[in-house]
Amino acid sequence: MQINITVKNLKKAMAQLQNLSKDIEPDFQEVVKGGAQVIRGEAIKSIQTGAKSGIVYEKYNPRRTHRASAPGQAPASDTGNLVSKIMVQQKDKNHVEVQSNADYSAFLEYGTSKMEPRPFMLPAFEKSKKPIINAVFNRVKKKIEEIVKWVILQLLYKQQSIMHC
């Protein structure tokens, strides 16, 4: 038994695959925006959760006890200001930024001459990289599968049309 397969319209099929970059741009933009939100969420989670092992001290107005973070740990949430200032900003269709706009963000992230760093943005980025890369890969893979499926269906339809004539 022998099966012969003839591919016709290969140029048309290849043209479809070459259009992939234009077809995938909206999907890619969506993943970039979602990735920025993932980074933002990780930064917020690191501030609001997790054990903090820094010093404990009294704060006033309102009066409360606060446990600070230790050097190297994400900052410990106190008033919620830092968390509320972490934003995702769309710069243009392919550029999204995650920013912490609290006046003291850089001091916490990088430290000062009198305080060791309490990083929260860079660790959030590092923790989010792999899921973001996987999301991009999965979107590209899905789009390629859709295009290849369409091309194969077109080829089979044309082959079937030829057989019926």
N, C-alpha and C. Protein backbone atom coordinates (compact mmCIF):
# COMPACT_ATOMS: atom_id res chain seq x y z
N MET A 1 0.84 -1.18 0.00
CA MET A 1 0.00 0.00 0.00
C MET A 1 0.88 1.23 0.00
N GLN A 2 0.48 2.19 -0.77
CA GLN A 2 1.27 3.41 -0.89
C GLN A 2 0.34 4.61 -0.85
N ILE A 3 0.76 5.63 -0.11
CA ILE A 3 -0.02 6.87 -0.03
C ILE A 3 0.86 7.99 -0.56
N ASN A 4 0.33 8.72 -1.51
CA ASN A 4 1.04 9.86 -2.07
C ASN A 4 0.37 11.15 -1.60
N ILE A 5 1.19 12.07 -1.15
CA ILE A 5 0.68 13.38 -0.73
C ILE A 5 1.36 14.43 -1.57
N THR A 6 0.55 15.26 -2.19
CA THR A 6 1.07 16.35 -2.99
C THR A 6 0.65 17.66 -2.33
N VAL A 7 1.61 18.53 -2.11
CA VAL A 7 1.31 19.82 -1.50
C VAL A 7 1.28 20.86 -2.61
N LYS A 8 0.14 21.53 -2.72
CA LYS A 8 0.00 22.61 -3.67
C LYS A 8 -0.18 23.90 -2.88
N ASN A 9 0.06 25.01 -3.51
CA ASN A 9 -0.09 26.32 -2.87
C ASN A 9 0.85 26.49 -1.67
N LEU A 10 2.03 25.90 -1.77
CA LEU A 10 2.99 26.02 -0.69
C LEU A 10 3.40 27.48 -0.46
N LYS A 11 3.50 28.24 -1.54
CA LYS A 11 3.86 29.67 -1.41
C LYS A 11 2.82 30.41 -0.58
N LYS A 12 1.55 30.08 -0.80
CA LYS A 12 0.47 30.72 -0.04
C LYS A 12 0.57 30.34 1.43
N ALA A 13 0.88 29.07 1.69
CA ALA A 13 1.02 28.61 3.07
C ALA A 13 2.19 29.31 3.75
N MET A 14 3.29 29.44 3.06
CA MET A 14 4.46 30.11 3.62
C MET A 14 4.18 31.60 3.86
N ALA A 15 3.41 32.21 2.99
CA ALA A 15 3.05 33.62 3.19
C ALA A 15 2.23 33.79 4.47
N GLN A 16 1.34 32.84 4.74
CA GLN A 16 0.55 32.88 5.97
C GLN A 16 1.47 32.82 7.19
N LEU A 17 2.44 31.94 7.15
CA LEU A 17 3.36 31.83 8.28
C LEU A 17 4.21 33.09 8.43
N GLN A 18 4.55 33.73 7.31
CA GLN A 18 5.32 34.97 7.39
C GLN A 18 4.50 36.12 7.97
N ASN A 19 3.19 36.04 7.86
CA ASN A 19 2.33 37.07 8.44
C ASN A 19 2.16 36.89 9.94
N LEU A 20 2.77 35.85 10.48
CA LEU A 20 2.62 35.56 11.90
C LEU A 20 2.98 36.75 12.78
N SER A 21 4.06 37.47 12.44
CA SER A 21 4.48 38.57 13.31
C SER A 21 3.40 39.64 13.41
N LYS A 22 2.69 39.92 12.32
CA LYS A 22 1.61 40.91 12.37
C LYS A 22 0.41 40.34 13.13
N ASP A 23 0.12 39.07 12.91
CA ASP A 23 -1.03 38.44 13.55
C ASP A 23 -0.86 38.30 15.06
N ILE A 24 0.38 38.12 15.50
CA ILE A 24 0.61 37.85 16.92
C ILE A 24 0.82 39.12 17.74
N GLU A 25 0.98 40.26 17.10
CA GLU A 25 1.26 41.50 17.84
C GLU A 25 0.22 41.81 18.92
N PRO A 26 -1.09 41.74 18.65
CA PRO A 26 -2.05 42.00 19.73
C PRO A 26 -1.93 41.01 20.88
N ASP A 27 -1.67 39.74 20.57
CA ASP A 27 -1.50 38.73 21.61
C ASP A 27 -0.26 39.05 22.45
N PHE A 28 0.81 39.45 21.78
CA PHE A 28 2.05 39.78 22.48
C PHE A 28 1.84 40.98 23.40
N GLN A 29 1.15 42.00 22.90
CA GLN A 29 0.88 43.19 23.71
C GLN A 29 0.08 42.83 24.96
N GLU A 30 -0.88 41.92 24.81
CA GLU A 30 -1.69 41.48 25.94
C GLU A 30 -0.82 40.75 26.98
N VAL A 31 0.10 39.92 26.51
CA VAL A 31 0.98 39.19 27.42
C VAL A 31 1.92 40.17 28.14
N VAL A 32 2.42 41.18 27.43
CA VAL A 32 3.30 42.17 28.05
C VAL A 32 2.56 42.91 29.16
N LYS A 33 1.34 43.34 28.89
CA LYS A 33 0.54 44.03 29.93
C LYS A 33 0.29 43.10 31.11
N GLY A 34 -0.07 41.87 30.82
CA GLY A 34 -0.31 40.90 31.88
C GLY A 34 0.95 40.60 32.68
N GLY A 35 2.07 40.54 32.00
CA GLY A 35 3.35 40.32 32.68
C GLY A 35 3.69 41.44 33.64
N ALA A 36 3.41 42.67 33.23
CA ALA A 36 3.65 43.82 34.11
C ALA A 36 2.77 43.71 35.36
N GLN A 37 1.54 43.26 35.17
CA GLN A 37 0.64 43.09 36.33
C GLN A 37 1.14 41.98 37.25
N VAL A 38 1.73 40.94 36.68
CA VAL A 38 2.30 39.86 37.49
C VAL A 38 3.44 40.40 38.35
N ILE A 39 4.31 41.21 37.74
CA ILE A 39 5.43 41.81 38.49
C ILE A 39 4.89 42.69 39.61
N ARG A 40 3.91 43.52 39.29
CA ARG A 40 3.30 44.40 40.30
C ARG A 40 2.74 43.57 41.46
N GLY A 41 2.02 42.50 41.10
CA GLY A 41 1.44 41.65 42.13
C GLY A 41 2.48 41.00 43.03
N GLU A 42 3.58 40.56 42.43
CA GLU A 42 4.66 39.95 43.22
C GLU A 42 5.30 40.97 44.16
N ALA A 43 5.49 42.19 43.68
CA ALA A 43 6.07 43.24 44.53
C ALA A 43 5.16 43.51 45.72
N ILE A 44 3.87 43.64 45.45
CA ILE A 44 2.90 43.91 46.52
C ILE A 44 2.86 42.75 47.51
N LYS A 45 2.83 41.52 46.99
CA LYS A 45 2.79 40.34 47.85
C LYS A 45 4.01 40.28 48.76
N SER A 46 5.18 40.63 48.22
CA SER A 46 6.40 40.56 49.03
C SER A 46 6.38 41.57 50.17
N ILE A 47 5.71 42.70 49.97
CA ILE A 47 5.61 43.72 51.01
C ILE A 47 4.57 43.34 52.05
N GLN A 48 3.46 42.80 51.59
CA GLN A 48 2.33 42.54 52.50
C GLN A 48 2.41 41.21 53.24
N THR A 49 3.18 40.27 52.72
CA THR A 49 3.22 38.94 53.33
C THR A 49 4.65 38.54 53.62
N GLY A 50 4.79 37.40 54.20
CA GLY A 50 6.12 36.88 54.50
C GLY A 50 6.61 37.37 55.84
N ALA A 51 7.42 36.54 56.46
CA ALA A 51 7.94 36.88 57.78
C ALA A 51 8.91 38.06 57.66
N LYS A 52 8.76 39.00 58.54
CA LYS A 52 9.68 40.14 58.63
C LYS A 52 10.41 39.97 59.95
N SER A 53 11.72 40.15 59.93
CA SER A 53 12.50 39.87 61.14
C SER A 53 13.34 41.06 61.58
N GLY A 54 12.92 42.25 61.23
CA GLY A 54 13.64 43.44 61.66
C GLY A 54 13.23 43.87 63.05
N ILE A 55 13.62 45.07 63.42
CA ILE A 55 13.34 45.56 64.77
C ILE A 55 11.86 45.89 64.94
N VAL A 56 11.42 45.84 66.18
CA VAL A 56 10.05 46.21 66.53
C VAL A 56 10.13 47.55 67.25
N TYR A 57 9.25 48.46 66.84
CA TYR A 57 9.26 49.76 67.50
C TYR A 57 7.86 50.35 67.52
N GLU A 58 7.66 51.34 68.38
CA GLU A 58 6.39 52.04 68.52
C GLU A 58 6.33 53.17 67.50
N LYS A 59 5.17 53.29 66.87
CA LYS A 59 4.94 54.40 65.95
C LYS A 59 3.77 55.21 66.51
N TYR A 60 3.74 56.44 66.12
CA TYR A 60 2.70 57.34 66.65
C TYR A 60 1.91 57.94 65.50
N ASN A 61 0.69 58.28 65.81
CA ASN A 61 -0.23 58.95 64.89
C ASN A 61 -0.58 58.10 63.67
N PRO A 62 -1.32 57.09 63.80
CA PRO A 62 -1.87 56.53 65.03
C PRO A 62 -0.84 55.68 65.76
N ARG A 63 -1.05 55.54 67.04
CA ARG A 63 -0.12 54.77 67.87
C ARG A 63 -0.26 53.29 67.51
N ARG A 64 0.90 52.66 67.25
CA ARG A 64 0.90 51.25 66.90
C ARG A 64 2.30 50.69 67.05
N THR A 65 2.38 49.37 67.08
CA THR A 65 3.66 48.67 67.10
C THR A 65 3.92 48.18 65.68
N HIS A 66 5.15 48.35 65.24
CA HIS A 66 5.50 47.95 63.86
C HIS A 66 6.77 47.12 63.88
N ARG A 67 6.75 46.00 63.13
CA ARG A 67 7.98 45.22 62.94
C ARG A 67 8.50 45.53 61.55
N ALA A 68 9.70 46.07 61.52
CA ALA A 68 10.33 46.42 60.24
C ALA A 68 10.90 45.16 59.59
N SER A 69 11.26 45.29 58.35
CA SER A 69 11.95 44.19 57.67
C SER A 69 13.43 44.27 57.99
N ALA A 70 14.09 43.14 57.87
CA ALA A 70 15.54 43.09 58.05
C ALA A 70 16.20 43.40 56.71
N PRO A 71 17.48 43.78 56.73
CA PRO A 71 18.18 44.01 55.46
C PRO A 71 18.05 42.80 54.54
N GLY A 72 17.77 43.07 53.28
CA GLY A 72 17.61 42.01 52.28
C GLY A 72 16.18 41.52 52.12
N GLN A 73 15.33 41.77 53.14
CA GLN A 73 13.92 41.39 53.03
C GLN A 73 13.16 42.52 52.35
N ALA A 74 12.03 42.17 51.77
CA ALA A 74 11.14 43.20 51.22
C ALA A 74 10.67 44.08 52.37
N PRO A 75 10.37 45.34 52.09
CA PRO A 75 9.89 46.22 53.17
C PRO A 75 8.65 45.64 53.83
N ALA A 76 8.49 45.96 55.11
CA ALA A 76 7.29 45.55 55.84
C ALA A 76 6.23 46.62 55.65
N SER A 77 5.03 46.22 55.32
CA SER A 77 3.95 47.17 55.12
C SER A 77 3.56 47.80 56.45
N ASP A 78 3.33 49.09 56.42
CA ASP A 78 2.90 49.79 57.64
C ASP A 78 1.62 50.56 57.35
N THR A 79 1.71 51.57 56.53
CA THR A 79 0.53 52.39 56.23
C THR A 79 -0.15 51.97 54.94
N GLY A 80 0.53 51.18 54.10
CA GLY A 80 -0.03 50.79 52.81
C GLY A 80 0.33 51.75 51.70
N ASN A 81 1.05 52.82 52.03
CA ASN A 81 1.41 53.82 51.02
C ASN A 81 2.29 53.23 49.92
N LEU A 82 3.32 52.49 50.31
CA LEU A 82 4.24 51.92 49.32
C LEU A 82 3.49 51.03 48.33
N VAL A 83 2.65 50.16 48.84
CA VAL A 83 1.86 49.25 48.00
C VAL A 83 0.96 50.05 47.06
N SER A 84 0.33 51.09 47.57
CA SER A 84 -0.60 51.87 46.75
C SER A 84 0.10 52.65 45.64
N LYS A 85 1.40 52.80 45.75
CA LYS A 85 2.16 53.58 44.76
C LYS A 85 2.82 52.71 43.69
N ILE A 86 2.62 51.40 43.75
CA ILE A 86 3.19 50.52 42.72
C ILE A 86 2.19 50.46 41.57
N MET A 87 2.60 50.95 40.42
CA MET A 87 1.69 51.12 39.29
C MET A 87 2.26 50.47 38.02
N VAL A 88 1.33 50.10 37.15
CA VAL A 88 1.69 49.66 35.79
C VAL A 88 1.28 50.79 34.86
N GLN A 89 2.23 51.22 34.04
CA GLN A 89 1.94 52.33 33.12
C GLN A 89 2.28 51.91 31.70
N GLN A 90 1.31 52.07 30.80
CA GLN A 90 1.48 51.77 29.39
C GLN A 90 2.15 52.97 28.73
N LYS A 91 3.39 52.80 28.26
CA LYS A 91 4.12 53.90 27.62
C LYS A 91 3.75 54.03 26.15
N ASP A 92 3.67 52.92 25.46
CA ASP A 92 3.16 52.85 24.09
C ASP A 92 2.70 51.42 23.88
N LYS A 93 2.31 51.06 22.66
CA LYS A 93 1.67 49.75 22.47
C LYS A 93 2.58 48.56 22.79
N ASN A 94 3.89 48.74 22.76
CA ASN A 94 4.80 47.64 23.04
C ASN A 94 5.69 47.90 24.27
N HIS A 95 5.37 48.91 25.07
CA HIS A 95 6.22 49.29 26.19
C HIS A 95 5.36 49.55 27.43
N VAL A 96 5.57 48.72 28.44
CA VAL A 96 4.83 48.84 29.69
C VAL A 96 5.86 48.93 30.81
N GLU A 97 5.61 49.80 31.78
CA GLU A 97 6.53 49.94 32.91
C GLU A 97 5.81 49.64 34.22
N VAL A 98 6.54 49.02 35.13
CA VAL A 98 6.07 48.83 36.50
C VAL A 98 6.89 49.80 37.33
N GLN A 99 6.20 50.70 38.03
CA GLN A 99 6.89 51.75 38.77
C GLN A 99 6.41 51.77 40.21
N SER A 100 7.32 52.13 41.10
CA SER A 100 6.94 52.43 42.47
C SER A 100 7.16 53.92 42.66
N ASN A 101 6.08 54.65 42.82
CA ASN A 101 6.14 56.11 42.86
C ASN A 101 6.19 56.71 44.26
N ALA A 102 6.35 55.89 45.29
CA ALA A 102 6.52 56.44 46.63
C ALA A 102 7.87 57.15 46.67
N ASP A 103 7.92 58.27 47.34
CA ASP A 103 9.15 59.07 47.39
C ASP A 103 10.35 58.29 47.90
N TYR A 104 10.12 57.31 48.73
CA TYR A 104 11.19 56.56 49.38
C TYR A 104 11.46 55.20 48.75
N SER A 105 10.84 54.92 47.61
CA SER A 105 10.99 53.61 46.96
C SER A 105 12.44 53.27 46.67
N ALA A 106 13.17 54.20 46.07
CA ALA A 106 14.57 53.94 45.70
C ALA A 106 15.43 53.69 46.94
N PHE A 107 15.14 54.41 48.04
CA PHE A 107 15.90 54.20 49.27
C PHE A 107 15.71 52.78 49.79
N LEU A 108 14.48 52.30 49.72
CA LEU A 108 14.20 50.93 50.17
C LEU A 108 14.85 49.91 49.23
N GLU A 109 14.68 50.11 47.93
CA GLU A 109 15.18 49.15 46.94
C GLU A 109 16.70 49.04 46.97
N TYR A 110 17.40 50.17 47.04
CA TYR A 110 18.86 50.18 46.90
C TYR A 110 19.61 50.47 48.20
N GLY A 111 18.90 50.91 49.24
CA GLY A 111 19.55 51.25 50.49
C GLY A 111 20.11 52.66 50.45
N THR A 112 20.65 53.08 51.58
CA THR A 112 21.28 54.39 51.70
C THR A 112 22.58 54.19 52.47
N SER A 113 23.26 55.28 52.77
CA SER A 113 24.49 55.17 53.56
C SER A 113 24.19 54.72 54.98
N LYS A 114 22.93 54.87 55.42
CA LYS A 114 22.55 54.51 56.79
C LYS A 114 21.60 53.32 56.87
N MET A 115 21.22 52.75 55.73
CA MET A 115 20.25 51.65 55.74
C MET A 115 20.58 50.67 54.62
N GLU A 116 20.58 49.40 54.96
CA GLU A 116 20.78 48.35 53.95
C GLU A 116 19.53 48.25 53.07
N PRO A 117 19.68 47.75 51.83
CA PRO A 117 18.53 47.64 50.93
C PRO A 117 17.46 46.68 51.44
N ARG A 118 16.22 47.02 51.09
CA ARG A 118 15.04 46.17 51.31
C ARG A 118 14.38 46.02 49.93
N PRO A 119 15.02 45.25 49.03
CA PRO A 119 14.53 45.19 47.64
C PRO A 119 13.17 44.53 47.51
N PHE A 120 12.36 45.07 46.62
CA PHE A 120 11.03 44.51 46.37
C PHE A 120 10.69 44.51 44.89
N MET A 121 11.23 45.44 44.12
CA MET A 121 10.92 45.48 42.68
C MET A 121 11.76 44.48 41.88
N LEU A 122 13.07 44.50 42.06
CA LEU A 122 13.92 43.57 41.31
C LEU A 122 13.60 42.11 41.65
N PRO A 123 13.42 41.75 42.92
CA PRO A 123 13.03 40.36 43.20
C PRO A 123 11.68 39.98 42.57
N ALA A 124 10.76 40.93 42.53
CA ALA A 124 9.46 40.66 41.89
C ALA A 124 9.65 40.40 40.40
N PHE A 125 10.52 41.18 39.77
CA PHE A 125 10.82 40.97 38.35
C PHE A 125 11.46 39.61 38.14
N GLU A 126 12.46 39.29 38.96
CA GLU A 126 13.16 38.00 38.82
C GLU A 126 12.21 36.82 39.01
N LYS A 127 11.32 36.93 39.99
CA LYS A 127 10.37 35.85 40.26
C LYS A 127 9.34 35.71 39.13
N SER A 128 9.05 36.80 38.44
CA SER A 128 8.02 36.81 37.40
C SER A 128 8.54 36.47 36.00
N LYS A 129 9.85 36.54 35.80
CA LYS A 129 10.43 36.33 34.47
C LYS A 129 10.00 35.03 33.81
N LYS A 130 10.16 33.94 34.54
CA LYS A 130 9.86 32.62 33.94
C LYS A 130 8.39 32.49 33.56
N PRO A 131 7.43 32.85 34.45
CA PRO A 131 6.02 32.77 34.03
C PRO A 131 5.70 33.67 32.83
N ILE A 132 6.34 34.83 32.76
CA ILE A 132 6.09 35.73 31.62
C ILE A 132 6.63 35.12 30.34
N ILE A 133 7.84 34.58 30.40
CA ILE A 133 8.44 33.94 29.22
C ILE A 133 7.57 32.76 28.77
N ASN A 134 7.09 31.97 29.73
CA ASN A 134 6.21 30.84 29.40
C ASN A 134 4.91 31.32 28.75
N ALA A 135 4.37 32.43 29.24
CA ALA A 135 3.13 32.97 28.66
C ALA A 135 3.37 33.41 27.22
N VAL A 136 4.50 34.07 26.97
CA VAL A 136 4.83 34.49 25.61
C VAL A 136 4.98 33.26 24.72
N PHE A 137 5.74 32.28 25.18
CA PHE A 137 5.94 31.05 24.42
C PHE A 137 4.61 30.38 24.09
N ASN A 138 3.74 30.26 25.10
CA ASN A 138 2.45 29.60 24.88
C ASN A 138 1.57 30.36 23.90
N ARG A 139 1.60 31.69 23.95
CA ARG A 139 0.81 32.48 22.99
C ARG A 139 1.33 32.30 21.57
N VAL A 140 2.65 32.34 21.41
CA VAL A 140 3.24 32.16 20.07
C VAL A 140 2.94 30.76 19.56
N LYS A 141 3.09 29.77 20.42
CA LYS A 141 2.82 28.39 20.04
C LYS A 141 1.36 28.23 19.60
N LYS A 142 0.44 28.80 20.37
CA LYS A 142 -0.98 28.70 20.05
C LYS A 142 -1.27 29.36 18.70
N LYS A 143 -0.69 30.52 18.46
CA LYS A 143 -0.92 31.24 17.20
C LYS A 143 -0.36 30.44 16.02
N ILE A 144 0.83 29.87 16.19
CA ILE A 144 1.42 29.05 15.12
C ILE A 144 0.53 27.83 14.85
N GLU A 145 0.04 27.20 15.91
CA GLU A 145 -0.84 26.05 15.73
C GLU A 145 -2.11 26.43 14.98
N GLU A 146 -2.68 27.60 15.31
CA GLU A 146 -3.87 28.06 14.61
C GLU A 146 -3.59 28.27 13.12
N ILE A 147 -2.47 28.90 12.82
CA ILE A 147 -2.13 29.19 11.42
C ILE A 147 -1.84 27.89 10.67
N VAL A 148 -1.08 27.00 11.27
CA VAL A 148 -0.76 25.73 10.61
C VAL A 148 -2.04 24.93 10.38
N LYS A 149 -2.92 24.92 11.36
CA LYS A 149 -4.19 24.21 11.20
C LYS A 149 -4.99 24.81 10.04
N TRP A 150 -5.03 26.14 9.96
CA TRP A 150 -5.75 26.81 8.87
C TRP A 150 -5.12 26.45 7.53
N VAL A 151 -3.79 26.47 7.45
CA VAL A 151 -3.09 26.16 6.20
C VAL A 151 -3.38 24.72 5.79
N ILE A 152 -3.31 23.80 6.74
CA ILE A 152 -3.58 22.39 6.42
C ILE A 152 -5.02 22.21 5.95
N LEU A 153 -5.96 22.85 6.63
CA LEU A 153 -7.36 22.76 6.19
C LEU A 153 -7.54 23.31 4.78
N GLN A 154 -6.88 24.40 4.50
CA GLN A 154 -6.97 24.98 3.14
C GLN A 154 -6.40 24.01 2.11
N LEU A 155 -5.27 23.41 2.44
CA LEU A 155 -4.65 22.46 1.51
C LEU A 155 -5.55 21.24 1.32
N LEU A 156 -6.12 20.74 2.42
CA LEU A 156 -7.00 19.58 2.31
C LEU A 156 -8.27 19.92 1.54
N TYR A 157 -8.81 21.11 1.75
CA TYR A 157 -10.01 21.54 1.03
C TYR A 157 -9.73 21.61 -0.47
N LYS A 158 -8.58 22.18 -0.81
CA LYS A 158 -8.23 22.28 -2.24
C LYS A 158 -8.02 20.89 -2.82
N GLN A 159 -7.39 20.00 -2.04
CA GLN A 159 -7.15 18.63 -2.51
C GLN A 159 -8.49 17.92 -2.71
N GLN A 160 -9.42 18.13 -1.76
CA GLN A 160 -10.74 17.50 -1.86
C GLN A 160 -11.50 18.05 -3.07
N SER A 161 -11.38 19.34 -3.34
CA SER A 161 -12.05 19.95 -4.50
C SER A 161 -11.54 19.35 -5.78
N ILE A 162 -10.25 19.09 -5.85
CA ILE A 162 -9.65 18.52 -7.04
C ILE A 162 -10.17 17.09 -7.23
N MET A 163 -10.30 16.35 -6.15
CA MET A 163 -10.73 14.95 -6.24
C MET A 163 -12.19 14.85 -6.69
N HIS A 164 -13.04 15.83 -6.35
CA HIS A 164 -14.44 15.80 -6.72
C HIS A 164 -14.68 16.20 -8.19
N CYS A 165 -13.77 16.91 -8.76
CA CYS A 165 -13.97 17.39 -10.14
C CYS A 165 -13.87 16.29 -11.16
